[in-house]
Each structure stands twice: as C-alpha cells, then as structure tokens.
Amino acid sequence: QPTVTKYAVEVNIKFDDYSSQTGWYIASVDGTVLVDRPPGYYSGNDTLTVVENVRLEPGEYQFSALDANGDGFCCQHGIGYYLLNFNGDTLLYQQGRFEFSRNETFSIGNPPRTSNAMASSKSAPFLRGSIPSSDEPSRKRKHVDNKK
C-alpha cells in the first residue's frame, strides 16, 4: 500500500485575556473535522500564545476560529490572532475582531492538474491561503518623537 505524504502545518493562537472562550478546528472540504480544539480547550492560558503542529495530507481545508463571547480576539481584553504557517510561509493570518467564528480555506500539497497550470517546482508543495507569504503579523510599534 503506497504511503501518503503528510505536511506539517503550524497553528499559532495568541489569546486575548479569555483563552477559555477561544477554539478552532480544521476540516476537509467535505466537512469532516480533522482537528478540533473547542472553546474551553485552552482554559487557563490567558494572554499566552500556543503553537500546535498538525499533519495534513495534500488537499484543500477549512480553518475555523471560534469565540464563545462573539468578540474574536478583541478588544478591551487584549488583541490576539491566529497564524497558520507551512515551511516558513504564511497560509492564514487574522487579528482582532471576528465575532463568533471566522472561516477561511487553504490548500497544501500538489496543485490540481490543469492544462493552463503554471510550472512549479517538484520539490516544493503548492500553497494557497488568504494572504501572500510576505505579509507577516506586525509586531513593531511606531514611536513618535515629541521632543521637537
């Protein structure tokens, strides 16, 4: 029986002050939940960032972030985010408010075969997410010099 390549996707979650309200899951395109972290799973991790590595076969997936309070990772109780990476490339990133849930799709593995498909490296997997890989979460603060 042939083996199927599985790719390691890194899921980063930065909580606001209420980690018990936050959850997420990854589902296949047919709706089958493959990884489930319901609200309450991370209780006691307020203001921390957790990192989990998930192994996925080539394909298209849905990532869903959940917030039981309806304010996402926002606002008066701290601002958090989710970030999905593969091999140093950003697949998905969202910060701040999203109400009770936010759903996004991403693909990993070989691109579908089409007649007008662009040539790609045979060693690099195809990645598709909601933002270009050059967009990274901003951690820099602007400082204003008021001494002038």
Protein backbone atom coordinates (compact mmCIF):
# COMPACT_ATOMS: atom_id res chain seq x y z
CA GLN A 1 0.00 0.00 0.00
CA PRO A 2 1.52 3.38 -1.01
CA THR A 3 2.25 5.92 1.67
CA VAL A 4 0.68 9.38 1.53
CA THR A 5 2.85 12.40 2.22
CA LYS A 6 1.65 14.47 5.15
CA TYR A 7 2.70 18.08 5.57
CA ALA A 8 3.30 19.75 8.95
CA VAL A 9 1.18 22.89 9.32
CA GLU A 10 1.96 25.08 12.32
CA VAL A 11 -1.08 26.63 14.04
CA ASN A 12 -0.29 29.63 16.28
CA ILE A 13 -3.00 31.10 18.51
CA LYS A 14 -2.37 34.29 20.53
CA PHE A 15 -5.16 34.64 23.06
CA ASP A 16 -6.83 37.74 24.39
CA ASP A 17 -7.42 37.68 28.15
CA TYR A 18 -10.06 34.94 27.84
CA SER A 19 -8.48 31.80 26.39
CA SER A 20 -11.44 29.70 27.61
CA GLN A 21 -13.66 31.42 25.01
CA THR A 22 -11.35 30.56 22.09
CA GLY A 23 -11.39 27.45 19.92
CA TRP A 24 -10.60 26.34 16.39
CA TYR A 25 -10.85 23.41 14.04
CA ILE A 26 -9.56 22.21 10.69
CA ALA A 27 -11.98 20.37 8.41
CA SER A 28 -11.68 18.77 4.99
CA VAL A 29 -13.71 20.19 2.10
CA ASP A 30 -16.43 17.59 2.72
CA GLY A 31 -16.88 18.97 6.26
CA THR A 32 -15.10 16.20 8.15
CA VAL A 33 -13.44 17.74 11.22
CA LEU A 34 -9.83 16.53 11.37
CA VAL A 35 -8.51 18.57 14.32
CA ASP A 36 -10.84 20.04 16.95
CA ARG A 37 -9.98 22.45 19.74
CA PRO A 38 -13.39 23.62 21.07
CA PRO A 39 -13.84 26.69 23.29
CA GLY A 40 -12.67 25.70 26.77
CA TYR A 41 -9.82 23.51 25.48
CA TYR A 42 -7.23 26.21 26.29
CA SER A 43 -8.67 27.38 29.64
CA GLY A 44 -6.01 28.93 31.86
CA ASN A 45 -3.74 30.07 29.01
CA ASP A 46 -4.92 33.69 29.03
CA THR A 47 -2.60 36.12 27.20
CA LEU A 48 -0.32 33.28 26.04
CA THR A 49 0.49 32.04 22.56
CA VAL A 50 0.14 28.32 21.83
CA VAL A 51 1.72 26.54 18.89
CA GLU A 52 0.49 23.19 17.57
CA ASN A 53 1.80 21.20 14.63
CA VAL A 54 -0.86 19.44 12.58
CA ARG A 55 -0.01 16.87 9.88
CA LEU A 56 -2.23 17.08 6.80
CA GLU A 57 -2.35 15.19 3.52
CA PRO A 58 -2.30 17.22 0.28
CA GLY A 59 -5.65 18.90 -0.27
CA GLU A 60 -7.92 21.83 0.50
CA TYR A 61 -9.01 22.55 4.05
CA GLN A 62 -11.16 24.93 6.07
CA PHE A 63 -9.77 26.59 9.19
CA SER A 64 -12.39 27.94 11.59
CA ALA A 65 -11.59 30.18 14.55
CA LEU A 66 -14.25 30.25 17.26
CA ASP A 67 -15.03 32.69 20.07
CA ALA A 68 -17.81 31.92 22.56
CA ASN A 69 -18.20 35.61 23.55
CA GLY A 70 -18.59 36.93 20.00
CA ASP A 71 -15.71 39.40 20.01
CA GLY A 72 -12.96 37.30 18.42
CA PHE A 73 -9.52 38.18 19.77
CA CYS A 74 -10.55 41.68 20.67
CA CYS A 75 -10.65 44.37 22.13
CA GLN A 76 -10.72 45.76 25.69
CA HIS A 77 -9.38 42.40 26.92
CA GLY A 78 -6.32 42.25 24.67
CA ILE A 79 -5.83 41.60 20.99
CA GLY A 80 -4.89 38.16 19.76
CA TYR A 81 -4.53 36.40 16.42
CA TYR A 82 -4.29 33.12 14.59
CA LEU A 83 -1.47 32.32 12.22
CA LEU A 84 -1.04 29.18 10.11
CA ASN A 85 2.41 28.52 8.65
CA PHE A 86 3.89 25.87 6.43
CA ASN A 87 7.64 25.64 5.95
CA GLY A 88 8.12 29.33 6.81
CA ASP A 89 5.29 30.55 4.55
CA THR A 90 2.13 32.16 5.95
CA LEU A 91 -1.05 30.34 4.93
CA LEU A 92 -3.57 32.32 7.01
CA TYR A 93 -3.45 35.24 9.42
CA GLN A 94 -6.23 37.12 11.20
CA GLN A 95 -6.04 39.50 14.14
CA GLY A 96 -8.68 41.19 16.26
CA ARG A 97 -12.46 41.12 15.90
CA PHE A 98 -14.35 38.38 14.04
CA GLU A 99 -17.48 37.83 16.17
CA PHE A 100 -18.36 34.17 16.97
CA SER A 101 -16.48 32.46 14.13
CA ARG A 102 -14.28 33.12 11.12
CA ASN A 103 -13.84 30.55 8.35
CA GLU A 104 -11.03 30.53 5.80
CA THR A 105 -9.78 27.98 3.31
CA PHE A 106 -6.24 26.96 2.46
CA SER A 107 -4.61 24.34 0.26
CA ILE A 108 -1.47 22.35 0.75
CA GLY A 109 0.26 19.78 -1.44
CA ASN A 110 0.46 19.48 -5.18
CA PRO A 111 -1.66 21.82 -7.31
CA PRO A 112 -4.52 20.32 -9.30
CA ARG A 113 -3.58 19.26 -12.82
CA THR A 114 -4.96 21.70 -15.39
CA SER A 115 -3.92 22.49 -18.93
CA ASN A 116 -3.01 26.10 -18.11
CA ALA A 117 -1.33 25.44 -14.77
CA MET A 118 1.88 27.29 -14.17
CA ALA A 119 5.06 25.25 -13.88
CA SER A 120 6.09 24.62 -10.32
CA SER A 121 8.98 23.02 -8.53
CA LYS A 122 8.58 19.28 -8.00
CA SER A 123 10.16 19.57 -4.56
CA ALA A 124 8.05 22.45 -3.26
CA PRO A 125 4.39 21.86 -2.32
CA PHE A 126 1.66 24.12 -3.64
CA LEU A 127 0.29 26.50 -1.03
CA ARG A 128 -2.82 28.69 -1.22
CA GLY A 129 -4.16 30.80 1.59
CA SER A 130 -5.81 34.13 2.17
CA ILE A 131 -2.69 36.31 2.19
CA PRO A 132 0.66 36.42 0.38
CA SER A 133 3.55 34.84 2.26
CA SER A 134 5.32 38.20 2.53
CA ASP A 135 2.66 39.52 4.95
CA GLU A 136 3.71 38.76 8.49
CA PRO A 137 1.98 39.86 11.68
CA SER A 138 3.12 43.29 12.68
CA ARG A 139 4.91 43.37 16.00
CA LYS A 140 6.55 46.76 15.52
CA ARG A 141 5.27 49.84 17.30
CA LYS A 142 5.53 53.33 15.97
CA HIS A 143 7.20 55.71 18.36
CA VAL A 144 6.60 59.42 17.99
CA ASP A 145 9.36 61.81 18.99
CA ASN A 146 7.59 64.69 20.73
CA LYS A 147 10.80 66.44 21.74
CA LYS A 148 10.96 68.66 18.63
